[in-house]
Full PDB file with SEQRES, HELIX, SHEET, SSBOND, CRYST1, ORIGX, SCALE, CONECT and MASTER records, all heavy atoms in Angstrom:
SEQRES   1 A   35  ASP LYS ASN LYS GLY LEU GLU ILE ASP VAL PRO ILE ASN          
SEQRES   2 A   35  TYR TYR VAL ASP ASP ASP ASP THR LYS GLY ILE ASN VAL          
SEQRES   3 A   35  ARG TRP ARG SER HIS GLY ASN LEU PHE                          
HELIX    1 AA1 VAL A   16  ASP A   18  5                                   3    
HELIX    2 AA2 ARG A   29  LEU A   34  1                                   6    
CRYST1    1.000    1.000    1.000  90.00  90.00  90.00 P 1           1          
ORIGX1      1.000000  0.000000  0.000000        0.00000                         
ORIGX2      0.000000  1.000000  0.000000        0.00000                         
ORIGX3      0.000000  0.000000  1.000000        0.00000                         
SCALE1      1.000000  0.000000  0.000000        0.00000                         
SCALE2      0.000000  1.000000  0.000000        0.00000                         
SCALE3      0.000000  0.000000  1.000000        0.00000                         
ATOM      1  N   ASP A   1      86.915  93.073  92.697  1.00  0.00           N  
ATOM      2  CA  ASP A   1      87.074  92.645  91.308  1.00  0.00           C  
ATOM      3  C   ASP A   1      86.718  91.168  91.140  1.00  0.00           C  
ATOM      4  O   ASP A   1      86.099  90.775  90.140  1.00  0.00           O  
ATOM      5  CB  ASP A   1      88.510  92.887  90.845  1.00  0.00           C  
ATOM      6  CG  ASP A   1      88.830  94.366  90.701  1.00  0.00           C  
ATOM      7  OD1 ASP A   1      87.891  95.187  90.791  1.00  0.00           O  
ATOM      8  OD2 ASP A   1      90.005  94.711  90.508  1.00  0.00           O  
ATOM      9  N   LYS A   2      87.075  90.357  92.127  1.00  0.00           N  
ATOM     10  CA  LYS A   2      86.770  88.928  92.059  1.00  0.00           C  
ATOM     11  C   LYS A   2      85.260  88.694  92.057  1.00  0.00           C  
ATOM     12  O   LYS A   2      84.739  87.878  91.284  1.00  0.00           O  
ATOM     13  CB  LYS A   2      87.415  88.212  93.247  1.00  0.00           C  
ATOM     14  CG  LYS A   2      87.297  86.703  93.234  1.00  0.00           C  
ATOM     15  CD  LYS A   2      88.038  86.094  94.420  1.00  0.00           C  
ATOM     16  CE  LYS A   2      87.919  84.577  94.409  1.00  0.00           C  
ATOM     17  NZ  LYS A   2      88.636  83.975  95.577  1.00  0.00           N  
ATOM     18  N   ASN A   3      84.539  89.443  92.894  1.00  0.00           N  
ATOM     19  CA  ASN A   3      83.079  89.293  92.975  1.00  0.00           C  
ATOM     20  C   ASN A   3      82.373  89.814  91.722  1.00  0.00           C  
ATOM     21  O   ASN A   3      81.242  89.417  91.437  1.00  0.00           O  
ATOM     22  CB  ASN A   3      82.543  90.018  94.212  1.00  0.00           C  
ATOM     23  CG  ASN A   3      82.972  89.337  95.505  1.00  0.00           C  
ATOM     24  OD1 ASN A   3      83.267  88.139  95.517  1.00  0.00           O  
ATOM     25  ND2 ASN A   3      83.041  90.092  96.588  1.00  0.00           N  
ATOM     26  N   LYS A   4      83.043  90.688  90.999  1.00  0.00           N  
ATOM     27  CA  LYS A   4      82.492  91.179  89.733  1.00  0.00           C  
ATOM     28  C   LYS A   4      82.761  90.215  88.582  1.00  0.00           C  
ATOM     29  O   LYS A   4      82.308  90.435  87.460  1.00  0.00           O  
ATOM     30  CB  LYS A   4      83.092  92.547  89.380  1.00  0.00           C  
ATOM     31  CG  LYS A   4      82.586  93.703  90.231  1.00  0.00           C  
ATOM     32  CD  LYS A   4      83.250  95.000  89.778  1.00  0.00           C  
ATOM     33  CE  LYS A   4      82.759  96.193  90.582  1.00  0.00           C  
ATOM     34  NZ  LYS A   4      83.449  97.447  90.155  1.00  0.00           N  
ATOM     35  N   GLY A   5      83.513  89.153  88.873  1.00  0.00           N  
ATOM     36  CA  GLY A   5      83.850  88.189  87.831  1.00  0.00           C  
ATOM     37  C   GLY A   5      85.006  88.629  86.969  1.00  0.00           C  
ATOM     38  O   GLY A   5      85.250  88.051  85.904  1.00  0.00           O  
ATOM     39  N   LEU A   6      85.727  89.647  87.399  1.00  0.00           N  
ATOM     40  CA  LEU A   6      86.878  90.125  86.634  1.00  0.00           C  
ATOM     41  C   LEU A   6      88.073  89.216  86.858  1.00  0.00           C  
ATOM     42  O   LEU A   6      88.207  88.556  87.896  1.00  0.00           O  
ATOM     43  CB  LEU A   6      87.228  91.559  87.046  1.00  0.00           C  
ATOM     44  CG  LEU A   6      86.123  92.603  86.860  1.00  0.00           C  
ATOM     45  CD1 LEU A   6      86.590  93.960  87.382  1.00  0.00           C  
ATOM     46  CD2 LEU A   6      85.731  92.719  85.384  1.00  0.00           C  
ATOM     47  N   GLU A   7      88.955  89.193  85.877  1.00  0.00           N  
ATOM     48  CA  GLU A   7      90.159  88.380  85.997  1.00  0.00           C  
ATOM     49  C   GLU A   7      91.155  89.124  86.884  1.00  0.00           C  
ATOM     50  O   GLU A   7      91.678  90.173  86.523  1.00  0.00           O  
ATOM     51  CB  GLU A   7      90.765  88.146  84.609  1.00  0.00           C  
ATOM     52  CG  GLU A   7      91.791  87.033  84.592  1.00  0.00           C  
ATOM     53  CD  GLU A   7      92.193  86.657  83.173  1.00  0.00           C  
ATOM     54  OE1 GLU A   7      91.300  86.524  82.316  1.00  0.00           O  
ATOM     55  OE2 GLU A   7      93.402  86.521  82.941  1.00  0.00           O  
ATOM     56  N   ILE A   8      91.428  88.594  88.058  1.00  0.00           N  
ATOM     57  CA  ILE A   8      92.309  89.258  89.013  1.00  0.00           C  
ATOM     58  C   ILE A   8      93.126  88.208  89.762  1.00  0.00           C  
ATOM     59  O   ILE A   8      92.583  87.212  90.250  1.00  0.00           O  
ATOM     60  CB  ILE A   8      91.501  90.137  90.000  1.00  0.00           C  
ATOM     61  CG1 ILE A   8      92.428  90.860  90.989  1.00  0.00           C  
ATOM     62  CG2 ILE A   8      90.454  89.314  90.741  1.00  0.00           C  
ATOM     63  CD1 ILE A   8      93.175  92.003  90.401  1.00  0.00           C  
ATOM     64  N   ASP A   9      94.429  88.392  89.810  1.00  0.00           N  
ATOM     65  CA  ASP A   9      95.295  87.462  90.539  1.00  0.00           C  
ATOM     66  C   ASP A   9      95.330  87.830  92.016  1.00  0.00           C  
ATOM     67  O   ASP A   9      95.071  88.977  92.403  1.00  0.00           O  
ATOM     68  CB  ASP A   9      96.717  87.516  89.979  1.00  0.00           C  
ATOM     69  CG  ASP A   9      96.798  86.942  88.573  1.00  0.00           C  
ATOM     70  OD1 ASP A   9      95.993  86.061  88.252  1.00  0.00           O  
ATOM     71  OD2 ASP A   9      97.656  87.411  87.793  1.00  0.00           O  
ATOM     72  N   VAL A  10      95.652  86.861  92.840  1.00  0.00           N  
ATOM     73  CA  VAL A  10      95.860  87.127  94.269  1.00  0.00           C  
ATOM     74  C   VAL A  10      96.998  88.127  94.403  1.00  0.00           C  
ATOM     75  O   VAL A  10      98.030  87.998  93.732  1.00  0.00           O  
ATOM     76  CB  VAL A  10      96.213  85.821  95.012  1.00  0.00           C  
ATOM     77  CG1 VAL A  10      96.626  86.111  96.456  1.00  0.00           C  
ATOM     78  CG2 VAL A  10      95.043  84.854  94.972  1.00  0.00           C  
ATOM     79  N   PRO A  11      96.835  89.190  95.200  1.00  0.00           N  
ATOM     80  CA  PRO A  11      97.922  90.157  95.352  1.00  0.00           C  
ATOM     81  C   PRO A  11      99.217  89.499  95.820  1.00  0.00           C  
ATOM     82  O   PRO A  11      99.213  88.696  96.759  1.00  0.00           O  
ATOM     83  CB  PRO A  11      97.388  91.157  96.385  1.00  0.00           C  
ATOM     84  CG  PRO A  11      96.111  90.597  96.907  1.00  0.00           C  
ATOM     85  CD  PRO A  11      95.648  89.532  95.988  1.00  0.00           C  
ATOM     86  N   ILE A  12     100.292  89.839  95.151  1.00  0.00           N  
ATOM     87  CA  ILE A  12     101.598  89.237  95.416  1.00  0.00           C  
ATOM     88  C   ILE A  12     102.093  89.589  96.818  1.00  0.00           C  
ATOM     89  O   ILE A  12     102.005  90.735  97.258  1.00  0.00           O  
ATOM     90  CB  ILE A  12     102.615  89.740  94.363  1.00  0.00           C  
ATOM     91  CG1 ILE A  12     102.236  89.213  92.967  1.00  0.00           C  
ATOM     92  CG2 ILE A  12     104.040  89.326  94.720  1.00  0.00           C  
ATOM     93  CD1 ILE A  12     103.040  89.833  91.846  1.00  0.00           C  
ATOM     94  N   ASN A  13     102.592  88.568  97.538  1.00  0.00           N  
ATOM     95  CA  ASN A  13     103.313  88.813  98.794  1.00  0.00           C  
ATOM     96  C   ASN A  13     102.451  89.479  99.857  1.00  0.00           C  
ATOM     97  O   ASN A  13     102.962  90.165 100.742  1.00  0.00           O  
ATOM     98  CB  ASN A  13     104.538  89.706  98.510  1.00  0.00           C  
ATOM     99  CG  ASN A  13     105.778  89.236  99.245  1.00  0.00           C  
ATOM    100  OD1 ASN A  13     105.835  88.124  99.739  1.00  0.00           O  
ATOM    101  ND2 ASN A  13     106.763  90.105  99.312  1.00  0.00           N  
ATOM    102  N   TYR A  14     101.140  89.254  99.774  1.00  0.00           N  
ATOM    103  CA  TYR A  14     100.194  89.950 100.652  1.00  0.00           C  
ATOM    104  C   TYR A  14      99.585  88.996 101.677  1.00  0.00           C  
ATOM    105  O   TYR A  14      99.629  89.241 102.879  1.00  0.00           O  
ATOM    106  CB  TYR A  14      99.119  90.592  99.786  1.00  0.00           C  
ATOM    107  CG  TYR A  14      98.003  91.300 100.520  1.00  0.00           C  
ATOM    108  CD1 TYR A  14      98.257  92.341 101.407  1.00  0.00           C  
ATOM    109  CD2 TYR A  14      96.670  90.939 100.285  1.00  0.00           C  
ATOM    110  CE1 TYR A  14      97.218  93.013 102.048  1.00  0.00           C  
ATOM    111  CE2 TYR A  14      95.625  91.602 100.915  1.00  0.00           C  
ATOM    112  CZ  TYR A  14      95.899  92.638 101.800  1.00  0.00           C  
ATOM    113  OH  TYR A  14      94.867  93.290 102.434  1.00  0.00           O  
ATOM    114  N   TYR A  15      99.041  87.909 101.177  1.00  0.00           N  
ATOM    115  CA  TYR A  15      98.516  86.879 102.074  1.00  0.00           C  
ATOM    116  C   TYR A  15      99.645  85.947 102.518  1.00  0.00           C  
ATOM    117  O   TYR A  15     100.654  85.788 101.806  1.00  0.00           O  
ATOM    118  CB  TYR A  15      97.437  86.049 101.376  1.00  0.00           C  
ATOM    119  CG  TYR A  15      96.168  86.804 101.072  1.00  0.00           C  
ATOM    120  CD1 TYR A  15      95.836  87.130  99.752  1.00  0.00           C  
ATOM    121  CD2 TYR A  15      95.303  87.190 102.086  1.00  0.00           C  
ATOM    122  CE1 TYR A  15      94.657  87.815  99.461  1.00  0.00           C  
ATOM    123  CE2 TYR A  15      94.131  87.876 101.804  1.00  0.00           C  
ATOM    124  CZ  TYR A  15      93.816  88.188 100.488  1.00  0.00           C  
ATOM    125  OH  TYR A  15      92.658  88.868 100.210  1.00  0.00           O  
ATOM    126  N   VAL A  16      99.481  85.339 103.654  1.00  0.00           N  
ATOM    127  CA  VAL A  16     100.443  84.347 104.122  1.00  0.00           C  
ATOM    128  C   VAL A  16     100.521  83.221 103.094  1.00  0.00           C  
ATOM    129  O   VAL A  16      99.491  82.668 102.679  1.00  0.00           O  
ATOM    130  CB  VAL A  16     100.023  83.780 105.503  1.00  0.00           C  
ATOM    131  CG1 VAL A  16     100.976  82.659 105.933  1.00  0.00           C  
ATOM    132  CG2 VAL A  16      99.990  84.900 106.543  1.00  0.00           C  
ATOM    133  N   ASP A  17     101.737  82.933 102.630  1.00  0.00           N  
ATOM    134  CA  ASP A  17     101.975  81.900 101.606  1.00  0.00           C  
ATOM    135  C   ASP A  17     101.207  82.181 100.317  1.00  0.00           C  
ATOM    136  O   ASP A  17     100.918  81.253  99.541  1.00  0.00           O  
ATOM    137  CB  ASP A  17     101.606  80.503 102.128  1.00  0.00           C  
ATOM    138  CG  ASP A  17     102.442  80.074 103.315  1.00  0.00           C  
ATOM    139  OD1 ASP A  17     103.611  80.496 103.392  1.00  0.00           O  
ATOM    140  OD2 ASP A  17     101.918  79.352 104.179  1.00  0.00           O  
ATOM    141  N   ASP A  18     100.847  83.452 100.060  1.00  0.00           N  
ATOM    142  CA  ASP A  18     100.073  83.841  98.870  1.00  0.00           C  
ATOM    143  C   ASP A  18      98.757  83.077  98.771  1.00  0.00           C  
ATOM    144  O   ASP A  18      98.231  82.856  97.674  1.00  0.00           O  
ATOM    145  CB  ASP A  18     100.902  83.641  97.586  1.00  0.00           C  
ATOM    146  CG  ASP A  18     101.984  84.691  97.444  1.00  0.00           C  
ATOM    147  OD1 ASP A  18     101.785  85.822  97.928  1.00  0.00           O  
ATOM    148  OD2 ASP A  18     103.033  84.387  96.843  1.00  0.00           O  
ATOM    149  N   ASP A  19      98.220  82.715  99.910  1.00  0.00           N  
ATOM    150  CA  ASP A  19      96.959  81.967  99.987  1.00  0.00           C  
ATOM    151  C   ASP A  19      95.912  82.866 100.629  1.00  0.00           C  
ATOM    152  O   ASP A  19      96.053  83.251 101.806  1.00  0.00           O  
ATOM    153  CB  ASP A  19      97.173  80.690 100.812  1.00  0.00           C  
ATOM    154  CG  ASP A  19      95.944  79.796 100.864  1.00  0.00           C  
ATOM    155  OD1 ASP A  19      94.805  80.299 100.668  1.00  0.00           O  
ATOM    156  OD2 ASP A  19      96.113  78.586 101.137  1.00  0.00           O  
ATOM    157  N   ASP A  20      94.857  83.201  99.879  1.00  0.00           N  
ATOM    158  CA  ASP A  20      93.882  84.178 100.385  1.00  0.00           C  
ATOM    159  C   ASP A  20      92.970  83.624 101.485  1.00  0.00           C  
ATOM    160  O   ASP A  20      92.077  84.329 101.957  1.00  0.00           O  
ATOM    161  CB  ASP A  20      93.048  84.758  99.245  1.00  0.00           C  
ATOM    162  CG  ASP A  20      92.232  83.717  98.490  1.00  0.00           C  
ATOM    163  OD1 ASP A  20      92.224  82.543  98.916  1.00  0.00           O  
ATOM    164  OD2 ASP A  20      91.587  84.075  97.483  1.00  0.00           O  
ATOM    165  N   THR A  21      93.243  82.385 101.916  1.00  0.00           N  
ATOM    166  CA  THR A  21      92.489  81.834 103.046  1.00  0.00           C  
ATOM    167  C   THR A  21      93.307  81.852 104.349  1.00  0.00           C  
ATOM    168  O   THR A  21      92.802  81.470 105.404  1.00  0.00           O  
ATOM    169  CB  THR A  21      92.058  80.384 102.760  1.00  0.00           C  
ATOM    170  OG1 THR A  21      93.220  79.534 102.708  1.00  0.00           O  
ATOM    171  CG2 THR A  21      91.292  80.291 101.454  1.00  0.00           C  
ATOM    172  N   LYS A  22      94.574  82.290 104.266  1.00  0.00           N  
ATOM    173  CA  LYS A  22      95.472  82.177 105.421  1.00  0.00           C  
ATOM    174  C   LYS A  22      95.719  83.496 106.161  1.00  0.00           C  
ATOM    175  O   LYS A  22      96.512  83.526 107.095  1.00  0.00           O  
ATOM    176  CB  LYS A  22      96.819  81.583 104.976  1.00  0.00           C  
ATOM    177  CG  LYS A  22      96.742  80.114 104.594  1.00  0.00           C  
ATOM    178  CD  LYS A  22      98.137  79.549 104.351  1.00  0.00           C  
ATOM    179  CE  LYS A  22      98.092  78.049 104.098  1.00  0.00           C  
ATOM    180  NZ  LYS A  22      99.445  77.484 103.906  1.00  0.00           N  
ATOM    181  N   GLY A  23      95.073  84.553 105.750  1.00  0.00           N  
ATOM    182  CA  GLY A  23      95.261  85.812 106.457  1.00  0.00           C  
ATOM    183  C   GLY A  23      96.290  86.727 105.816  1.00  0.00           C  
ATOM    184  O   GLY A  23      97.088  86.314 104.957  1.00  0.00           O  
ATOM    185  N   ILE A  24      96.279  87.979 106.236  1.00  0.00           N  
ATOM    186  CA  ILE A  24      97.111  89.031 105.646  1.00  0.00           C  
ATOM    187  C   ILE A  24      98.395  89.191 106.447  1.00  0.00           C  
ATOM    188  O   ILE A  24      98.380  89.181 107.679  1.00  0.00           O  
ATOM    189  CB  ILE A  24      96.337  90.359 105.615  1.00  0.00           C  
ATOM    190  CG1 ILE A  24      95.100  90.217 104.719  1.00  0.00           C  
ATOM    191  CG2 ILE A  24      97.216  91.508 105.159  1.00  0.00           C  
ATOM    192  CD1 ILE A  24      94.073  91.307 104.932  1.00  0.00           C  
ATOM    193  N   ASN A  25      99.489  89.363 105.737  1.00  0.00           N  
ATOM    194  CA  ASN A  25     100.782  89.597 106.363  1.00  0.00           C  
ATOM    195  C   ASN A  25     101.161  91.067 106.152  1.00  0.00           C  
ATOM    196  O   ASN A  25     101.667  91.440 105.100  1.00  0.00           O  
ATOM    197  CB  ASN A  25     101.841  88.669 105.757  1.00  0.00           C  
ATOM    198  CG  ASN A  25     103.167  88.754 106.486  1.00  0.00           C  
ATOM    199  OD1 ASN A  25     103.275  89.374 107.532  1.00  0.00           O  
ATOM    200  ND2 ASN A  25     104.190  88.132 105.911  1.00  0.00           N  
ATOM    201  N   VAL A  26     100.896  91.916 107.141  1.00  0.00           N  
ATOM    202  CA  VAL A  26     101.214  93.340 107.022  1.00  0.00           C  
ATOM    203  C   VAL A  26     102.708  93.534 107.263  1.00  0.00           C  
ATOM    204  O   VAL A  26     103.213  93.214 108.337  1.00  0.00           O  
ATOM    205  CB  VAL A  26     100.400  94.179 108.042  1.00  0.00           C  
ATOM    206  CG1 VAL A  26     100.819  95.642 107.980  1.00  0.00           C  
ATOM    207  CG2 VAL A  26      98.907  94.041 107.761  1.00  0.00           C  
ATOM    208  N   ARG A  27     103.403  94.078 106.255  1.00  0.00           N  
ATOM    209  CA  ARG A  27     104.855  94.221 106.387  1.00  0.00           C  
ATOM    210  C   ARG A  27     105.349  95.591 105.917  1.00  0.00           C  
ATOM    211  O   ARG A  27     106.545  95.785 105.705  1.00  0.00           O  
ATOM    212  CB  ARG A  27     105.565  93.106 105.614  1.00  0.00           C  
ATOM    213  CG  ARG A  27     105.289  93.114 104.136  1.00  0.00           C  
ATOM    214  CD  ARG A  27     105.996  91.950 103.447  1.00  0.00           C  
ATOM    215  NE  ARG A  27     105.249  90.719 103.591  1.00  0.00           N  
ATOM    216  CZ  ARG A  27     105.759  89.503 103.408  1.00  0.00           C  
ATOM    217  NH1 ARG A  27     107.028  89.364 103.108  1.00  0.00           N  
ATOM    218  NH2 ARG A  27     105.012  88.425 103.538  1.00  0.00           N  
ATOM    219  N   TRP A  28     104.414  96.553 105.741  1.00  0.00           N  
ATOM    220  CA  TRP A  28     104.800  97.870 105.240  1.00  0.00           C  
ATOM    221  C   TRP A  28     104.594  98.996 106.252  1.00  0.00           C  
ATOM    222  O   TRP A  28     105.015 100.128 106.027  1.00  0.00           O  
ATOM    223  CB  TRP A  28     104.006  98.189 103.974  1.00  0.00           C  
ATOM    224  CG  TRP A  28     102.514  98.289 104.184  1.00  0.00           C  
ATOM    225  CD1 TRP A  28     101.794  99.397 104.530  1.00  0.00           C  
ATOM    226  CD2 TRP A  28     101.557  97.228 104.074  1.00  0.00           C  
ATOM    227  NE1 TRP A  28     100.453  99.107 104.634  1.00  0.00           N  
ATOM    228  CE2 TRP A  28     100.274  97.775 104.354  1.00  0.00           C  
ATOM    229  CE3 TRP A  28     101.638  95.873 103.754  1.00  0.00           C  
ATOM    230  CZ2 TRP A  28      99.112  97.011 104.334  1.00  0.00           C  
ATOM    231  CZ3 TRP A  28     100.486  95.115 103.737  1.00  0.00           C  
ATOM    232  CH2 TRP A  28      99.242  95.673 104.025  1.00  0.00           C  
ATOM    233  N   ARG A  29     103.945  98.717 107.363  1.00  0.00           N  
ATOM    234  CA  ARG A  29     103.495  99.788 108.245  1.00  0.00           C  
ATOM    235  C   ARG A  29     104.656 100.555 108.889  1.00  0.00           C  
ATOM    236  O   ARG A  29     104.644 101.781 108.965  1.00  0.00           O  
ATOM    237  CB  ARG A  29     102.580  99.205 109.318  1.00  0.00           C  
ATOM    238  CG  ARG A  29     101.834 100.250 110.135  1.00  0.00           C  
ATOM    239  CD  ARG A  29     100.802  99.586 111.028  1.00  0.00           C  
ATOM    240  NE  ARG A  29      99.689  99.033 110.258  1.00  0.00           N  
ATOM    241  CZ  ARG A  29      99.032  97.921 110.568  1.00  0.00           C  
ATOM    242  NH1 ARG A  29      99.393  97.218 111.626  1.00  0.00           N  
ATOM    243  NH2 ARG A  29      98.021  97.500 109.828  1.00  0.00           N  
ATOM    244  N   SER A  30     105.673  99.855 109.368  1.00  0.00           N  
ATOM    245  CA  SER A  30     106.762 100.532 110.086  1.00  0.00           C  
ATOM    246  C   SER A  30     107.536 101.464 109.160  1.00  0.00           C  
ATOM    247  O   SER A  30     107.859 102.594 109.533  1.00  0.00           O  
ATOM    248  CB  SER A  30     107.705  99.511 110.732  1.00  0.00           C  
ATOM    249  OG  SER A  30     108.257  98.647 109.761  1.00  0.00           O  
ATOM    250  N   HIS A  31     107.830 101.012 107.942  1.00  0.00           N  
ATOM    251  CA  HIS A  31     108.557 101.874 107.019  1.00  0.00           C  
ATOM    252  C   HIS A  31     107.682 103.019 106.516  1.00  0.00           C  
ATOM    253  O   HIS A  31     108.183 104.115 106.241  1.00  0.00           O  
ATOM    254  CB  HIS A  31     109.104 101.059 105.844  1.00  0.00           C  
ATOM    255  CG  HIS A  31     110.353 100.309 106.185  1.00  0.00           C  
ATOM    256  ND1 HIS A  31     110.357  98.978 106.511  1.00  0.00           N  
ATOM    257  CD2 HIS A  31     111.645 100.717 106.281  1.00  0.00           C  
ATOM    258  CE1 HIS A  31     111.598  98.589 106.770  1.00  0.00           C  
ATOM    259  NE2 HIS A  31     112.394  99.625 106.643  1.00  0.00           N  
ATOM    260  N   GLY A  32     106.394 102.793 106.400  1.00  0.00           N  
ATOM    261  CA  GLY A  32     105.498 103.872 106.014  1.00  0.00           C  
ATOM    262  C   GLY A  32     105.500 104.981 107.058  1.00  0.00           C  
ATOM    263  O   GLY A  32     105.599 106.171 106.726  1.00  0.00           O  
ATOM    264  N   ASN A  33     105.397 104.592 108.330  1.00  0.00           N  
ATOM    265  CA  ASN A  33     105.441 105.592 109.397  1.00  0.00           C  
ATOM    266  C   ASN A  33     106.781 106.312 109.432  1.00  0.00           C  
ATOM    267  O   ASN A  33     106.838 107.533 109.618  1.00  0.00           O  
ATOM    268  CB  ASN A  33     105.177 104.925 110.750  1.00  0.00           C  
ATOM    269  CG  ASN A  33     103.700 104.658 110.988  1.00  0.00           C  
ATOM    270  OD1 ASN A  33     102.871 105.542 110.866  1.00  0.00           O  
ATOM    271  ND2 ASN A  33     103.363 103.423 111.320  1.00  0.00           N  
ATOM    272  N   LEU A  34     107.871 105.567 109.236  1.00  0.00           N  
ATOM    273  CA  LEU A  34     109.195 106.176 109.256  1.00  0.00           C  
ATOM    274  C   LEU A  34     109.378 107.137 108.091  1.00  0.00           C  
ATOM    275  O   LEU A  34     109.954 108.225 108.250  1.00  0.00           O  
ATOM    276  CB  LEU A  34     110.267 105.086 109.229  1.00  0.00           C  
ATOM    277  CG  LEU A  34     111.723 105.550 109.260  1.00  0.00           C  
ATOM    278  CD1 LEU A  34     111.993 106.436 110.467  1.00  0.00           C  
ATOM    279  CD2 LEU A  34     112.659 104.329 109.258  1.00  0.00           C  
ATOM    280  N   PHE A  35     108.870 106.761 106.930  1.00  0.00           N  
ATOM    281  CA  PHE A  35     108.992 107.632 105.756  1.00  0.00           C  
ATOM    282  C   PHE A  35     108.280 108.961 105.993  1.00  0.00           C  
ATOM    283  O   PHE A  35     108.847 110.033 105.733  1.00  0.00           O  
ATOM    284  CB  PHE A  35     108.408 106.936 104.526  1.00  0.00           C  
ATOM    285  CG  PHE A  35     108.394 107.798 103.299  1.00  0.00           C  
ATOM    286  CD1 PHE A  35     109.554 108.009 102.571  1.00  0.00           C  
ATOM    287  CD2 PHE A  35     107.223 108.409 102.866  1.00  0.00           C  
ATOM    288  CE1 PHE A  35     109.551 108.818 101.441  1.00  0.00           C  
ATOM    289  CE2 PHE A  35     107.213 109.216 101.739  1.00  0.00           C  
ATOM    290  CZ  PHE A  35     108.381 109.419 101.030  1.00  0.00           C  
TER     291      PHE A  35                                                      
MASTER        0    0    0    2    0    0    0    6  290    1    0    3          
END                                                                             
């Protein structure tokens, strides 16, 4: 969406410190597998 020029916010609570240059913080995998 960003490359299309669409208005899009950085995904909440996804990147480290909500900064899209700092990498992804995966925090859902264990509960997904358990579910």
